């Protein structure tokens, strides 16, 4: 199974999911998948949030709180869920406001080992 296939399966199985991306904390995308007709720029979202995620990782290290496993960002127009895959890469899913956040989190958790194996 390839990166895009894993991302496609994740987006297609979650109600309200629009797009998913596998990206480095440096802001460089490995692969992405968007539902047909969706204009969400998942790369731009990933680039913008990657700097925030790096700061969260750094703060967690300073506080000796352990690794940041997952972050959810809920705005008035949608949700973004981020899950670390390795020290260098994360997976991100964009959802509508009505999207199934719980299922996205679960499927991201199960997809992470598969993605890690491919990296």
C-alpha atoms as a PDB file:
ATOM      1  CA  UNK A   1       0.000   0.000   0.000  1.00  0.00           C
ATOM      2  CA  UNK A   2       1.312   3.460  -0.888  1.00  0.00           C
ATOM      3  CA  UNK A   3       1.063   6.759   1.000  1.00  0.00           C
ATOM      4  CA  UNK A   4      -1.730   8.139  -1.206  1.00  0.00           C
ATOM      5  CA  UNK A   5      -3.807   4.974  -0.828  1.00  0.00           C
ATOM      6  CA  UNK A   6      -3.589   5.156   2.974  1.00  0.00           C
ATOM      7  CA  UNK A   7      -4.540   8.848   2.922  1.00  0.00           C
ATOM      8  CA  UNK A   8      -7.394   8.197   0.456  1.00  0.00           C
ATOM      9  CA  UNK A   9      -8.810   5.418   2.614  1.00  0.00           C
ATOM     10  CA  UNK A  10      -8.660   7.625   5.686  1.00  0.00           C
ATOM     11  CA  UNK A  11     -10.481  10.541   4.005  1.00  0.00           C
ATOM     12  CA  UNK A  12     -13.099   8.356   2.325  1.00  0.00           C
ATOM     13  CA  UNK A  13     -13.954   6.483   5.543  1.00  0.00           C
ATOM     14  CA  UNK A  14     -14.513   9.583   7.709  1.00  0.00           C
ATOM     15  CA  UNK A  15     -17.752  11.552   7.368  1.00  0.00           C
ATOM     16  CA  UNK A  16     -16.900  15.187   6.726  1.00  0.00           C
ATOM     17  CA  UNK A  17     -13.227  14.610   5.921  1.00  0.00           C
ATOM     18  CA  UNK A  18     -12.019  16.786   3.071  1.00  0.00           C
ATOM     19  CA  UNK A  19      -8.325  16.066   2.698  1.00  0.00           C
ATOM     20  CA  UNK A  20      -5.296  14.454   4.331  1.00  0.00           C
ATOM     21  CA  UNK A  21      -1.558  14.981   4.036  1.00  0.00           C
ATOM     22  CA  UNK A  22       1.654  13.315   5.163  1.00  0.00           C
ATOM     23  CA  UNK A  23       4.159  16.080   5.803  1.00  0.00           C
ATOM     24  CA  UNK A  24       7.461  16.743   7.479  1.00  0.00           C
ATOM     25  CA  UNK A  25       7.696  19.158  10.386  1.00  0.00           C
ATOM     26  CA  UNK A  26       9.867  21.174   7.985  1.00  0.00           C
ATOM     27  CA  UNK A  27       6.731  21.862   5.903  1.00  0.00           C
ATOM     28  CA  UNK A  28       7.640  19.602   2.986  1.00  0.00           C
ATOM     29  CA  UNK A  29       4.762  17.374   1.844  1.00  0.00           C
ATOM     30  CA  UNK A  30       5.354  13.692   1.116  1.00  0.00           C
ATOM     31  CA  UNK A  31       1.893  12.973  -0.297  1.00  0.00           C
ATOM     32  CA  UNK A  32      -1.699  14.171  -0.026  1.00  0.00           C
ATOM     33  CA  UNK A  33      -5.237  13.208  -0.952  1.00  0.00           C
ATOM     34  CA  UNK A  34      -8.264  15.470  -1.481  1.00  0.00           C
ATOM     35  CA  UNK A  35     -11.849  14.436  -2.134  1.00  0.00           C
ATOM     36  CA  UNK A  36     -12.991  15.304  -5.622  1.00  0.00           C
ATOM     37  CA  UNK A  37     -14.435  18.810  -5.791  1.00  0.00           C
ATOM     38  CA  UNK A  38     -12.819  19.895  -2.516  1.00  0.00           C
ATOM     39  CA  UNK A  39     -10.815  23.101  -2.755  1.00  0.00           C
ATOM     40  CA  UNK A  40      -9.108  22.796   0.633  1.00  0.00           C
ATOM     41  CA  UNK A  41      -5.401  23.614   0.241  1.00  0.00           C
ATOM     42  CA  UNK A  42      -4.144  20.956   2.623  1.00  0.00           C
ATOM     43  CA  UNK A  43      -0.511  21.781   1.813  1.00  0.00           C
ATOM     44  CA  UNK A  44      -0.955  25.397   2.862  1.00  0.00           C
ATOM     45  CA  UNK A  45      -2.716  24.319   6.055  1.00  0.00           C
ATOM     46  CA  UNK A  46       0.107  21.877   6.789  1.00  0.00           C
ATOM     47  CA  UNK A  47       2.818  24.457   6.133  1.00  0.00           C
ATOM     48  CA  UNK A  48       1.159  27.040   8.366  1.00  0.00           C
ATOM     49  CA  UNK A  49       0.516  24.634  11.243  1.00  0.00           C
ATOM     50  CA  UNK A  50       3.908  22.873  10.984  1.00  0.00           C
ATOM     51  CA  UNK A  51       5.651  25.814  12.663  1.00  0.00           C
ATOM     52  CA  UNK A  52       3.097  25.735  15.486  1.00  0.00           C
ATOM     53  CA  UNK A  53       3.559  21.980  15.825  1.00  0.00           C
ATOM     54  CA  UNK A  54       7.345  22.366  16.058  1.00  0.00           C
ATOM     55  CA  UNK A  55       6.885  24.858  18.889  1.00  0.00           C
ATOM     56  CA  UNK A  56       4.480  22.490  20.668  1.00  0.00           C
ATOM     57  CA  UNK A  57       7.021  19.673  20.364  1.00  0.00           C
ATOM     58  CA  UNK A  58       9.758  21.935  21.739  1.00  0.00           C
ATOM     59  CA  UNK A  59       7.609  23.078  24.671  1.00  0.00           C
ATOM     60  CA  UNK A  60       6.710  19.483  25.472  1.00  0.00           C
ATOM     61  CA  UNK A  61      10.398  18.540  25.522  1.00  0.00           C
ATOM     62  CA  UNK A  62      11.276  21.493  27.793  1.00  0.00           C
ATOM     63  CA  UNK A  63       8.472  20.516  30.164  1.00  0.00           C
ATOM     64  CA  UNK A  64       9.510  16.851  29.963  1.00  0.00           C
ATOM     65  CA  UNK A  65       5.874  16.028  29.230  1.00  0.00           C
ATOM     66  CA  UNK A  66       6.590  13.332  26.665  1.00  0.00           C
ATOM     67  CA  UNK A  67       5.946  13.368  22.930  1.00  0.00           C
ATOM     68  CA  UNK A  68       3.062  15.352  21.468  1.00  0.00           C
ATOM     69  CA  UNK A  69       0.950  12.538  20.046  1.00  0.00           C
ATOM     70  CA  UNK A  70      -2.015  14.443  18.647  1.00  0.00           C
ATOM     71  CA  UNK A  71      -3.378  17.950  18.214  1.00  0.00           C
ATOM     72  CA  UNK A  72      -6.903  19.013  17.228  1.00  0.00           C
ATOM     73  CA  UNK A  73      -7.665  22.521  16.017  1.00  0.00           C
ATOM     74  CA  UNK A  74     -11.324  23.497  15.801  1.00  0.00           C
ATOM     75  CA  UNK A  75     -12.312  26.739  14.093  1.00  0.00           C
ATOM     76  CA  UNK A  76     -15.600  28.234  12.979  1.00  0.00           C
ATOM     77  CA  UNK A  77     -15.132  26.790   9.487  1.00  0.00           C
ATOM     78  CA  UNK A  78     -13.757  23.335  10.193  1.00  0.00           C
ATOM     79  CA  UNK A  79     -11.385  21.100  12.071  1.00  0.00           C
ATOM     80  CA  UNK A  80      -7.841  19.905  11.583  1.00  0.00           C
ATOM     81  CA  UNK A  81      -6.405  16.885  13.358  1.00  0.00           C
ATOM     82  CA  UNK A  82      -2.676  16.230  13.437  1.00  0.00           C
ATOM     83  CA  UNK A  83      -0.947  13.052  14.580  1.00  0.00           C
ATOM     84  CA  UNK A  84       2.781  12.442  14.749  1.00  0.00           C
ATOM     85  CA  UNK A  85       4.022   9.505  12.684  1.00  0.00           C
ATOM     86  CA  UNK A  86       7.755   9.840  13.451  1.00  0.00           C
ATOM     87  CA  UNK A  87      10.000  12.525  14.929  1.00  0.00           C
ATOM     88  CA  UNK A  88      10.172  14.068  11.463  1.00  0.00           C
ATOM     89  CA  UNK A  89       6.704  13.462   9.952  1.00  0.00           C
ATOM     90  CA  UNK A  90       3.039  13.941  10.788  1.00  0.00           C
ATOM     91  CA  UNK A  91      -0.320  13.175   9.243  1.00  0.00           C
ATOM     92  CA  UNK A  92      -3.026  15.844   9.065  1.00  0.00           C
ATOM     93  CA  UNK A  93      -6.723  15.551   8.211  1.00  0.00           C
ATOM     94  CA  UNK A  94      -9.027  18.458   7.405  1.00  0.00           C
ATOM     95  CA  UNK A  95     -12.725  18.071   8.271  1.00  0.00           C
ATOM     96  CA  UNK A  96     -15.887  20.092   7.986  1.00  0.00           C
ATOM     97  CA  UNK A  97     -17.437  21.472  11.176  1.00  0.00           C
ATOM     98  CA  UNK A  98     -19.846  18.511  11.176  1.00  0.00           C
ATOM     99  CA  UNK A  99     -17.071  15.966  10.502  1.00  0.00           C
ATOM    100  CA  UNK A 100     -16.591  12.868  12.624  1.00  0.00           C
ATOM    101  CA  UNK A 101     -13.587  13.904  14.708  1.00  0.00           C
ATOM    102  CA  UNK A 102     -13.546  10.713  16.778  1.00  0.00           C
ATOM    103  CA  UNK A 103     -13.421   8.422  13.760  1.00  0.00           C
ATOM    104  CA  UNK A 104     -10.717  10.576  12.146  1.00  0.00           C
ATOM    105  CA  UNK A 105      -8.613  10.321  15.304  1.00  0.00           C
ATOM    106  CA  UNK A 106      -9.069   6.545  15.474  1.00  0.00           C
ATOM    107  CA  UNK A 107      -8.257   5.940  11.809  1.00  0.00           C
ATOM    108  CA  UNK A 108      -5.218   8.228  12.010  1.00  0.00           C
ATOM    109  CA  UNK A 109      -3.979   6.230  14.976  1.00  0.00           C
ATOM    110  CA  UNK A 110      -4.297   2.980  13.019  1.00  0.00           C
ATOM    111  CA  UNK A 111      -2.813   4.494   9.830  1.00  0.00           C
ATOM    112  CA  UNK A 112       0.278   5.904  11.559  1.00  0.00           C
ATOM    113  CA  UNK A 113       2.150   2.566  11.894  1.00  0.00           C
ATOM    114  CA  UNK A 114       1.475   1.791   8.217  1.00  0.00           C
ATOM    115  CA  UNK A 115       2.816   5.176   7.153  1.00  0.00           C
ATOM    116  CA  UNK A 116       5.818   4.834   9.447  1.00  0.00           C
ATOM    117  CA  UNK A 117       6.650   1.496   7.876  1.00  0.00           C
ATOM    118  CA  UNK A 118       6.633   3.070   4.399  1.00  0.00           C
ATOM    119  CA  UNK A 119       8.843   6.001   5.406  1.00  0.00           C
END
